């Protein structure tokens, strides 16, 4: 059972995105390895600067729109850890202060969500309701998800899923096996698996999804001809999908997806269906637009009819900021397909901002490139990292094109890696790392 946010927290979804991308939602049907990842990475791409401080709201007030007036005022009070991740969210009525419930979040050593608890208000005290437990491997990929309910003063498991991730010597994921827990027998049962094909650069080119049926794995879907906009951050630019047709033992129902990205992380995806040999027909298009602070201001879905795109659904956000660039108000609108316009849905106002630690700035101070300028190679040194697994990084030229992607492995919290510049033309290059504490940027001159 996946936790559902009450309306009071919907406008604060960006903060909850820092908690986790819940991979267990994929277990019902195998998802592409980058499913749910693109939007999160795109938001991070929009915030390329390294913050010297972390400023977060301590309180928010949310109202919904019924067509004529605002109603249902509710408040959320937030508590954070030093890294700026929410550890508690308390919900109450904005007029009476009557409590509704609260969320409690705990994190592991990688900064990933390890426990999520929902408690409701029982009149005089908070009472346990549901709990989700997570575990991850050293690469930050989920290995265990457990959903529990509070029954007879104890947590009772309702469902649990286990994932076994296998990597090659370069640290690239090459297979995943998904299992579910049989609650009655307390045994793990195979459900699905994904097999990855990699190229000479250890990037995925094909993924085959298989379902466990009658004691064997049977083909279910295939994603192939994958090309990458940015491999380090798992942003594809193109891929084709096929479904397995058991009656003919062949692949069919071909579709293809093309994605395009903007420098601030905004992107669009177009899905086309193969209707005849070499004939691709538009099926749907999704557009995600972010402002330069990394906040989503538009998600629009479109269908294709009569040789033209039409809006099928969408939601937009009009954001107002404080003097220090924190969202202080978010007006949400949903697309009405009957009136063919965006209409007000909810408004959330944030206040009581608090300033947390400045770890990203400290991390930046512990990063260096030498020699700089450099001829054929430079050494990158970064200390004070919390990661145990690979840290994705890329090298960009002066126009923002990615000329190299890297997966850097820290040893006891420190990366010391020689970067080969021999194949690059002379000029200024940017080295960008994506760490748990933020994006770290250093520049080097090749001469």
Protein backbone atom coordinates (compact mmCIF):
# COMPACT_ATOMS: atom_id res chain seq x y z
CA UNK A 1 0.00 0.00 0.00
CA UNK A 2 1.50 3.30 -1.08
CA UNK A 3 1.04 6.28 1.22
CA UNK A 4 -1.30 8.94 -0.13
CA UNK A 5 -0.62 12.54 0.71
CA UNK A 6 -3.51 14.59 2.06
CA UNK A 7 -4.32 17.69 0.05
CA UNK A 8 -2.43 19.89 2.46
CA UNK A 9 0.87 18.42 1.32
CA UNK A 10 0.40 18.25 -2.42
CA UNK A 11 1.96 21.65 -3.01
CA UNK A 12 4.98 20.50 -1.06
CA UNK A 13 5.59 17.49 -3.30
CA UNK A 14 8.99 18.89 -4.24
CA UNK A 15 10.15 18.47 -0.67
CA UNK A 16 8.83 14.92 -0.52
CA UNK A 17 10.67 14.17 -3.75
CA UNK A 18 13.81 14.56 -1.67
CA UNK A 19 12.64 11.64 0.44
CA UNK A 20 12.48 8.92 -2.14
CA UNK A 21 11.45 7.72 -5.52
CA UNK A 22 9.33 4.78 -4.37
CA UNK A 23 10.57 1.90 -6.49
CA UNK A 24 8.12 -0.54 -4.92
CA UNK A 25 5.38 1.01 -7.03
CA UNK A 26 7.03 -0.74 -9.97
CA UNK A 27 6.61 -4.26 -8.62
CA UNK A 28 3.07 -4.70 -9.87
CA UNK A 29 4.50 -4.53 -13.40
CA UNK A 30 8.14 -4.14 -14.35
CA UNK A 31 8.98 -0.54 -15.21
CA UNK A 32 11.78 0.88 -17.27
CA UNK A 33 14.91 1.45 -15.19
CA UNK A 34 14.59 5.21 -15.50
CA UNK A 35 10.85 5.32 -14.73
CA UNK A 36 10.14 8.09 -12.25
CA UNK A 37 13.77 9.12 -12.41
CA UNK A 38 13.68 11.64 -15.25
CA UNK A 39 11.55 14.27 -13.52
CA UNK A 40 13.60 14.05 -10.33
CA UNK A 41 16.88 14.42 -12.25
CA UNK A 42 15.50 17.22 -14.38
CA UNK A 43 14.62 19.19 -11.25
CA UNK A 44 18.16 18.69 -10.02
CA UNK A 45 19.54 19.84 -13.38
CA UNK A 46 17.60 23.07 -13.02
CA UNK A 47 19.44 23.86 -9.77
CA UNK A 48 23.04 23.60 -10.89
CA UNK A 49 24.42 26.13 -8.46
CA UNK A 50 25.82 24.83 -5.18
CA UNK A 51 23.81 26.32 -2.36
CA UNK A 52 25.71 27.80 0.56
CA UNK A 53 22.70 27.43 2.84
CA UNK A 54 19.54 25.35 2.92
CA UNK A 55 16.37 27.33 3.66
CA UNK A 56 13.11 25.41 4.08
CA UNK A 57 9.57 26.28 5.20
CA UNK A 58 8.50 25.42 8.72
CA UNK A 59 4.79 25.76 7.99
CA UNK A 60 2.32 25.79 5.12
CA UNK A 61 -1.39 26.52 4.75
CA UNK A 62 -3.39 24.87 1.98
CA UNK A 63 -6.85 25.67 0.59
CA UNK A 64 -8.83 24.02 -2.21
CA UNK A 65 -11.06 25.73 -4.79
CA UNK A 66 -14.66 24.55 -5.36
CA UNK A 67 -15.37 26.78 -8.35
CA UNK A 68 -16.59 29.80 -6.40
CA UNK A 69 -14.54 29.97 -3.19
CA UNK A 70 -11.56 28.65 -1.25
CA UNK A 71 -12.38 26.03 1.37
CA UNK A 72 -10.90 23.34 3.63
CA UNK A 73 -7.98 25.21 5.10
CA UNK A 74 -5.34 22.91 6.58
CA UNK A 75 -1.84 23.45 7.90
CA UNK A 76 1.33 21.38 7.74
CA UNK A 77 4.21 21.87 10.17
CA UNK A 78 7.60 20.54 9.03
CA UNK A 79 10.66 19.27 10.87
CA UNK A 80 13.94 18.55 9.05
CA UNK A 81 17.28 16.86 9.50
CA UNK A 82 20.53 18.82 8.93
CA UNK A 83 20.52 17.80 5.25
CA UNK A 84 17.17 19.51 4.72
CA UNK A 85 15.13 16.33 4.37
CA UNK A 86 11.77 16.28 6.17
CA UNK A 87 11.64 14.04 9.23
CA UNK A 88 8.15 14.95 10.42
CA UNK A 89 5.02 16.54 8.92
CA UNK A 90 2.08 17.33 11.21
CA UNK A 91 -1.34 18.09 9.70
CA UNK A 92 -4.05 20.19 11.35
CA UNK A 93 -7.14 22.29 10.65
CA UNK A 94 -6.06 25.86 9.92
CA UNK A 95 -9.01 27.43 11.76
CA UNK A 96 -9.33 25.24 14.86
CA UNK A 97 -5.83 23.72 15.03
CA UNK A 98 -7.49 20.32 15.44
CA UNK A 99 -4.91 17.68 14.59
CA UNK A 100 -5.39 15.21 11.73
CA UNK A 101 -2.25 13.09 11.71
CA UNK A 102 1.45 13.12 10.97
CA UNK A 103 4.19 11.54 8.88
CA UNK A 104 7.51 10.41 10.36
CA UNK A 105 10.48 9.80 8.04
CA UNK A 106 13.85 8.23 8.84
CA UNK A 107 16.89 7.87 6.56
CA UNK A 108 19.84 5.53 6.19
CA UNK A 109 23.55 6.38 5.93
CA UNK A 110 23.16 7.17 2.22
CA UNK A 111 20.46 9.72 2.98
CA UNK A 112 17.76 7.48 1.49
CA UNK A 113 14.35 6.94 3.03
CA UNK A 114 14.48 3.87 5.29
CA UNK A 115 11.23 4.22 7.26
CA UNK A 116 7.96 6.03 6.62
CA UNK A 117 5.28 6.05 9.34
CA UNK A 118 1.79 7.48 9.21
CA UNK A 119 0.06 8.20 12.52
CA UNK A 120 -3.49 9.47 12.91
CA UNK A 121 -4.80 11.60 15.77
CA UNK A 122 -6.83 9.58 18.28
CA UNK A 123 -8.22 12.53 20.26
CA UNK A 124 -5.48 12.80 22.87
CA UNK A 125 -2.41 11.23 21.23
CA UNK A 126 -1.02 10.15 17.88
CA UNK A 127 -1.65 6.50 17.03
CA UNK A 128 0.34 4.29 14.66
CA UNK A 129 -1.47 3.47 11.44
CA UNK A 130 0.83 2.31 8.65
CA UNK A 131 4.58 1.91 8.13
CA UNK A 132 6.83 1.38 5.11
CA UNK A 133 10.38 0.04 5.39
CA UNK A 134 13.07 0.37 2.71
CA UNK A 135 16.56 -1.03 2.20
CA UNK A 136 19.08 -0.28 -0.57
CA UNK A 137 22.33 -1.59 -1.99
CA UNK A 138 25.55 0.45 -2.10
CA UNK A 139 24.48 1.93 -5.45
CA UNK A 140 21.36 3.40 -3.86
CA UNK A 141 18.95 1.03 -5.60
CA UNK A 142 16.12 -0.45 -3.59
CA UNK A 143 16.54 -4.05 -2.40
CA UNK A 144 13.61 -4.38 0.01
CA UNK A 145 10.22 -2.78 0.51
CA UNK A 146 7.84 -3.79 3.30
CA UNK A 147 4.37 -2.43 4.01
CA UNK A 148 2.95 -2.88 7.52
CA UNK A 149 -0.16 -1.98 9.50
CA UNK A 150 -0.48 -1.39 13.24
CA UNK A 151 -2.68 -4.18 14.61
CA UNK A 152 -3.06 -5.25 18.24
CA UNK A 153 -0.18 -3.00 19.32
CA UNK A 154 2.29 -4.47 16.84
CA UNK A 155 3.43 -3.90 13.26
CA UNK A 156 2.04 -6.62 11.00
CA UNK A 157 3.44 -7.08 7.49
CA UNK A 158 0.85 -6.79 4.73
CA UNK A 159 3.18 -7.16 1.76
CA UNK A 160 6.89 -7.17 1.04
CA UNK A 161 9.01 -7.12 -2.10
CA UNK A 162 12.67 -8.01 -2.53
CA UNK A 163 14.96 -7.00 -5.39
CA UNK A 164 18.32 -8.59 -6.16
CA UNK A 165 20.47 -6.23 -8.24
CA UNK A 166 23.51 -7.56 -10.12
CA UNK A 167 26.28 -5.32 -11.51
CA UNK A 168 29.20 -5.89 -13.86
CA UNK A 169 32.78 -5.01 -12.96
CA UNK A 170 32.24 -1.43 -14.17
CA UNK A 171 29.39 -0.98 -11.70
CA UNK A 172 26.63 -1.01 -14.33
CA UNK A 173 23.36 -2.75 -13.45
CA UNK A 174 22.94 -5.87 -15.63
CA UNK A 175 20.02 -7.70 -13.99
CA UNK A 176 17.26 -7.32 -11.42
CA UNK A 177 15.22 -10.14 -9.90
CA UNK A 178 11.95 -9.17 -8.20
CA UNK A 179 10.38 -11.41 -5.54
CA UNK A 180 7.31 -11.08 -3.33
CA UNK A 181 6.82 -12.42 0.17
CA UNK A 182 4.14 -15.05 0.66
CA UNK A 183 2.73 -13.88 3.99
CA UNK A 184 1.13 -17.23 4.77
CA UNK A 185 4.26 -19.36 4.30
CA UNK A 186 6.82 -16.62 4.98
CA UNK A 187 8.71 -17.58 1.82
CA UNK A 188 9.95 -15.50 -1.11
CA UNK A 189 8.44 -16.22 -4.51
CA UNK A 190 9.84 -15.07 -7.87
CA UNK A 191 7.71 -12.58 -9.77
CA UNK A 192 9.69 -10.82 -12.47
CA UNK A 193 13.16 -9.97 -13.68
CA UNK A 194 14.88 -7.44 -15.93
CA UNK A 195 17.96 -8.22 -18.02
CA UNK A 196 20.14 -5.38 -19.30
CA UNK A 197 22.40 -5.36 -22.36
CA UNK A 198 25.29 -2.87 -22.26
CA UNK A 199 27.55 -1.41 -24.95
CA UNK A 200 31.33 -1.00 -24.95
CA UNK A 201 30.92 2.06 -22.71
CA UNK A 202 28.84 0.07 -20.20
CA UNK A 203 25.64 1.93 -21.03
CA UNK A 204 22.30 0.17 -21.39
CA UNK A 205 21.22 -0.45 -24.97
CA UNK A 206 18.40 -2.92 -24.31
CA UNK A 207 16.26 -4.09 -21.40
CA UNK A 208 14.16 -7.27 -21.43
CA UNK A 209 11.42 -7.71 -18.84
CA UNK A 210 10.25 -11.22 -18.00
CA UNK A 211 7.45 -12.54 -15.78
CA UNK A 212 7.61 -15.74 -13.70
CA UNK A 213 4.95 -18.05 -15.11
CA UNK A 214 4.48 -21.77 -14.39
CA UNK A 215 7.97 -22.19 -13.01
CA UNK A 216 9.88 -20.26 -15.68
CA UNK A 217 10.60 -16.70 -16.79
CA UNK A 218 8.55 -15.67 -19.83
CA UNK A 219 9.18 -12.60 -21.99
CA UNK A 220 6.88 -9.66 -21.26
CA UNK A 221 8.38 -6.50 -22.76
CA UNK A 222 11.54 -5.27 -24.43
CA UNK A 223 13.03 -1.78 -24.53
CA UNK A 224 15.70 -1.52 -27.21
CA UNK A 225 17.81 0.87 -29.32
CA UNK A 226 18.25 3.10 -26.28
CA UNK A 227 20.25 6.29 -26.83
CA UNK A 228 21.24 8.65 -24.07
CA UNK A 229 21.06 12.38 -23.60
CA UNK A 230 22.97 11.97 -20.35
CA UNK A 231 23.95 8.48 -19.21
CA UNK A 232 25.43 9.68 -15.89
CA UNK A 233 22.01 10.88 -14.76
CA UNK A 234 20.00 8.20 -16.64
CA UNK A 235 18.29 10.60 -19.04
CA UNK A 236 17.44 8.78 -22.31
CA UNK A 237 16.87 10.61 -25.58
CA UNK A 238 15.29 7.74 -27.49
CA UNK A 239 14.07 4.17 -27.02
CA UNK A 240 11.72 1.65 -28.61
CA UNK A 241 9.29 -0.64 -26.77
CA UNK A 242 7.86 -3.98 -27.79
CA UNK A 243 5.52 -6.47 -26.12
CA UNK A 244 5.86 -10.24 -26.31
CA UNK A 245 3.11 -12.02 -28.25
CA UNK A 246 2.85 -15.57 -26.82
CA UNK A 247 0.61 -16.88 -29.59
CA UNK A 248 3.29 -16.28 -32.22
CA UNK A 249 6.40 -16.21 -30.02
CA UNK A 250 7.40 -12.87 -31.52
CA UNK A 251 7.85 -9.28 -30.44
CA UNK A 252 5.18 -6.81 -31.55
CA UNK A 253 3.03 -3.79 -30.67
CA UNK A 254 5.98 -1.51 -31.38
CA UNK A 255 6.16 2.00 -29.96
CA UNK A 256 9.00 4.51 -29.74
CA UNK A 257 9.66 7.44 -27.45
CA UNK A 258 11.75 10.51 -28.24
CA UNK A 259 12.75 12.92 -25.48
CA UNK A 260 14.19 16.43 -25.75
CA UNK A 261 15.67 18.46 -22.91
CA UNK A 262 16.22 22.13 -22.16
CA UNK A 263 19.26 23.54 -20.30
CA UNK A 264 17.17 24.21 -17.18
CA UNK A 265 15.91 20.60 -17.00
CA UNK A 266 12.56 21.06 -18.77
CA UNK A 267 11.80 18.25 -21.20
CA UNK A 268 9.22 16.78 -23.54
CA UNK A 269 8.54 13.19 -24.59
CA UNK A 270 6.69 12.04 -27.70
CA UNK A 271 5.30 8.50 -27.99
CA UNK A 272 4.63 7.07 -31.45
CA UNK A 273 3.08 3.76 -32.53
CA UNK A 274 4.19 1.63 -35.47
CA UNK A 275 1.03 1.13 -37.53
CA UNK A 276 2.64 -0.27 -40.69
CA UNK A 277 6.19 -1.00 -41.85
CA UNK A 278 8.21 2.22 -41.45
CA UNK A 279 5.06 4.15 -40.53
CA UNK A 280 5.08 5.81 -37.11
CA UNK A 281 1.99 7.67 -35.90
CA UNK A 282 1.89 10.09 -32.98
CA UNK A 283 0.08 8.78 -29.91
CA UNK A 284 0.80 11.07 -26.97
CA UNK A 285 3.10 13.87 -25.87
CA UNK A 286 4.09 14.98 -22.38
CA UNK A 287 5.70 18.30 -21.54
CA UNK A 288 7.37 19.06 -18.21
CA UNK A 289 8.43 22.66 -17.66
CA UNK A 290 10.58 23.80 -14.74
CA UNK A 291 11.60 27.26 -13.68
CA UNK A 292 15.26 28.08 -13.09
CA UNK A 293 14.95 27.10 -9.42
CA UNK A 294 14.04 23.54 -10.36
CA UNK A 295 10.34 23.75 -9.51
CA UNK A 296 7.77 22.28 -11.89
CA UNK A 297 5.44 24.92 -13.30
CA UNK A 298 3.71 22.82 -15.96
CA UNK A 299 2.98 19.19 -16.76
CA UNK A 300 0.83 18.80 -19.82
CA UNK A 301 -0.33 15.59 -21.50
CA UNK A 302 -1.59 15.59 -25.07
CA UNK A 303 -3.23 13.13 -27.44
CA UNK A 304 -3.13 12.99 -31.23
CA UNK A 305 -6.23 13.28 -33.41
CA UNK A 306 -6.97 14.66 -36.87
CA UNK A 307 -3.26 15.28 -37.43
CA UNK A 308 -3.03 17.65 -34.49
CA UNK A 309 -2.17 17.57 -30.80
CA UNK A 310 -4.92 18.23 -28.27
CA UNK A 311 -4.54 18.71 -24.51
CA UNK A 312 -5.78 15.67 -22.64
CA UNK A 313 -4.79 16.62 -19.10
CA UNK A 314 -2.43 18.92 -17.30
CA UNK A 315 -1.59 20.87 -14.21
CA UNK A 316 0.26 24.13 -13.81
CA UNK A 317 1.73 26.06 -10.90
CA UNK A 318 2.11 29.80 -10.50
CA UNK A 319 4.87 30.34 -7.95
CA UNK A 320 5.79 33.38 -5.89
CA UNK A 321 9.21 33.55 -4.22
CA UNK A 322 10.78 35.16 -1.19
CA UNK A 323 13.71 37.56 -1.50
CA UNK A 324 16.02 34.56 -0.99
CA UNK A 325 14.33 32.49 -3.72
CA UNK A 326 12.19 30.13 -1.64
CA UNK A 327 8.64 29.37 -2.77
CA UNK A 328 6.26 31.33 -0.54
CA UNK A 329 3.06 30.65 -2.49
CA UNK A 330 1.98 28.02 -5.01
CA UNK A 331 -1.25 28.35 -6.99
CA UNK A 332 -2.14 25.03 -8.63
CA UNK A 333 -4.39 24.75 -11.68
CA UNK A 334 -5.75 21.65 -13.43
CA UNK A 335 -6.76 21.43 -17.07
CA UNK A 336 -10.51 21.10 -17.67
CA UNK A 337 -11.03 19.16 -20.90
CA UNK A 338 -14.64 20.37 -21.18
CA UNK A 339 -13.94 24.09 -20.85
CA UNK A 340 -10.52 23.60 -22.48
CA UNK A 341 -8.73 25.79 -20.01
CA UNK A 342 -6.73 25.63 -16.81
CA UNK A 343 -8.81 26.23 -13.68
CA UNK A 344 -7.82 26.87 -10.08
CA UNK A 345 -7.41 23.80 -7.91
CA UNK A 346 -5.54 24.70 -4.71
CA UNK A 347 -3.26 27.29 -3.18
CA UNK A 348 -0.52 26.73 -0.62
CA UNK A 349 1.29 29.46 1.31
CA UNK A 350 4.64 28.73 2.99
CA UNK A 351 6.04 30.55 6.01
CA UNK A 352 8.26 30.24 9.10
CA UNK A 353 11.36 29.59 6.99
CA UNK A 354 14.35 28.09 8.77
CA UNK A 355 18.00 28.03 7.74
CA UNK A 356 19.78 24.71 8.04
CA UNK A 357 23.42 23.68 7.63
CA UNK A 358 25.68 24.67 4.79
CA UNK A 359 27.12 21.27 3.94
CA UNK A 360 27.11 21.76 0.14
CA UNK A 361 29.31 24.83 0.54
CA UNK A 362 31.66 22.89 2.81
CA UNK A 363 31.75 20.11 0.25
CA UNK A 364 32.66 22.60 -2.46
CA UNK A 365 35.53 23.89 -0.34
CA UNK A 366 36.90 20.33 -0.16
CA UNK A 367 36.88 19.83 -3.95
CA UNK A 368 39.83 20.58 -6.22
CA UNK A 369 41.18 19.96 -9.73
CA UNK A 370 44.93 19.95 -10.31
CA UNK A 371 46.85 20.84 -12.33
CA UNK A 372 44.62 23.60 -13.63
CA UNK A 373 45.20 24.65 -16.41
CA UNK A 374 46.08 21.14 -17.63
CA UNK A 375 47.35 19.57 -20.84
CA UNK A 376 46.38 15.90 -21.06
CA UNK A 377 45.00 15.08 -17.62
CA UNK A 378 43.84 16.63 -14.36
CA UNK A 379 43.13 15.03 -11.00
CA UNK A 380 39.79 15.57 -9.27
CA UNK A 381 39.77 15.32 -5.48
CA UNK A 382 36.56 15.55 -3.45
CA UNK A 383 36.47 14.85 0.29
CA UNK A 384 33.67 14.66 2.85
CA UNK A 385 31.26 12.56 0.77
CA UNK A 386 28.55 10.45 2.40
CA UNK A 387 28.09 8.16 -0.62
CA UNK A 388 29.32 4.60 -0.61
CA UNK A 389 28.42 3.77 -4.20
CA UNK A 390 29.35 5.45 -7.49
CA UNK A 391 28.85 9.20 -7.82
CA UNK A 392 27.57 10.18 -11.30
CA UNK A 393 29.49 12.97 -13.01
CA UNK A 394 29.95 14.50 -16.42
CA UNK A 395 32.28 16.86 -18.27
CA UNK A 396 30.66 19.67 -20.28
CA UNK A 397 32.06 22.08 -22.85
CA UNK A 398 31.38 25.81 -22.98
CA UNK A 399 28.02 25.40 -24.74
CA UNK A 400 26.77 22.88 -22.20
CA UNK A 401 27.24 19.72 -24.26
CA UNK A 402 28.22 16.59 -22.35
CA UNK A 403 31.56 15.37 -23.71
CA UNK A 404 32.19 12.65 -21.13
CA UNK A 405 30.24 10.78 -18.45
CA UNK A 406 31.77 9.22 -15.38
CA UNK A 407 30.87 7.05 -12.41
CA UNK A 408 33.32 7.96 -9.65
CA UNK A 409 33.78 5.66 -6.68
CA UNK A 410 34.65 7.25 -3.31
CA UNK A 411 37.02 5.47 -0.96
CA UNK A 412 36.24 6.24 2.69
CA UNK A 413 34.38 9.38 1.66
CA UNK A 414 36.98 10.71 -0.78
CA UNK A 415 37.17 10.66 -4.58
CA UNK A 416 40.62 10.90 -6.16
CA UNK A 417 40.28 10.39 -9.90
CA UNK A 418 42.48 11.34 -12.85
CA UNK A 419 40.43 12.77 -15.72
CA UNK A 420 41.73 12.20 -19.24
CA UNK A 421 41.62 15.43 -21.27
CA UNK A 422 43.79 14.25 -24.16
CA UNK A 423 40.93 13.85 -26.61
CA UNK A 424 39.41 17.28 -25.93
CA UNK A 425 40.10 20.50 -27.81
CA UNK A 426 41.66 23.38 -25.89
CA UNK A 427 39.21 25.48 -23.89
CA UNK A 428 37.19 25.74 -20.69
CA UNK A 429 35.37 22.65 -19.36
CA UNK A 430 32.98 22.09 -16.47
CA UNK A 431 33.16 18.99 -14.26
CA UNK A 432 29.82 18.37 -12.56
CA UNK A 433 29.18 15.80 -9.80
CA UNK A 434 25.75 14.81 -8.46
CA UNK A 435 26.19 14.07 -4.75
CA UNK A 436 23.70 13.35 -1.99
CA UNK A 437 24.27 16.89 -0.71
CA UNK A 438 23.76 18.66 -4.01
CA UNK A 439 25.41 19.32 -7.34
CA UNK A 440 29.10 20.14 -7.18
CA UNK A 441 30.73 22.11 -10.01
CA UNK A 442 34.40 22.71 -10.81
CA UNK A 443 35.97 24.17 -13.96
CA UNK A 444 39.24 23.30 -15.66
CA UNK A 445 41.12 24.87 -18.57
CA UNK A 446 42.52 22.47 -21.21
CA UNK A 447 45.54 23.97 -22.99
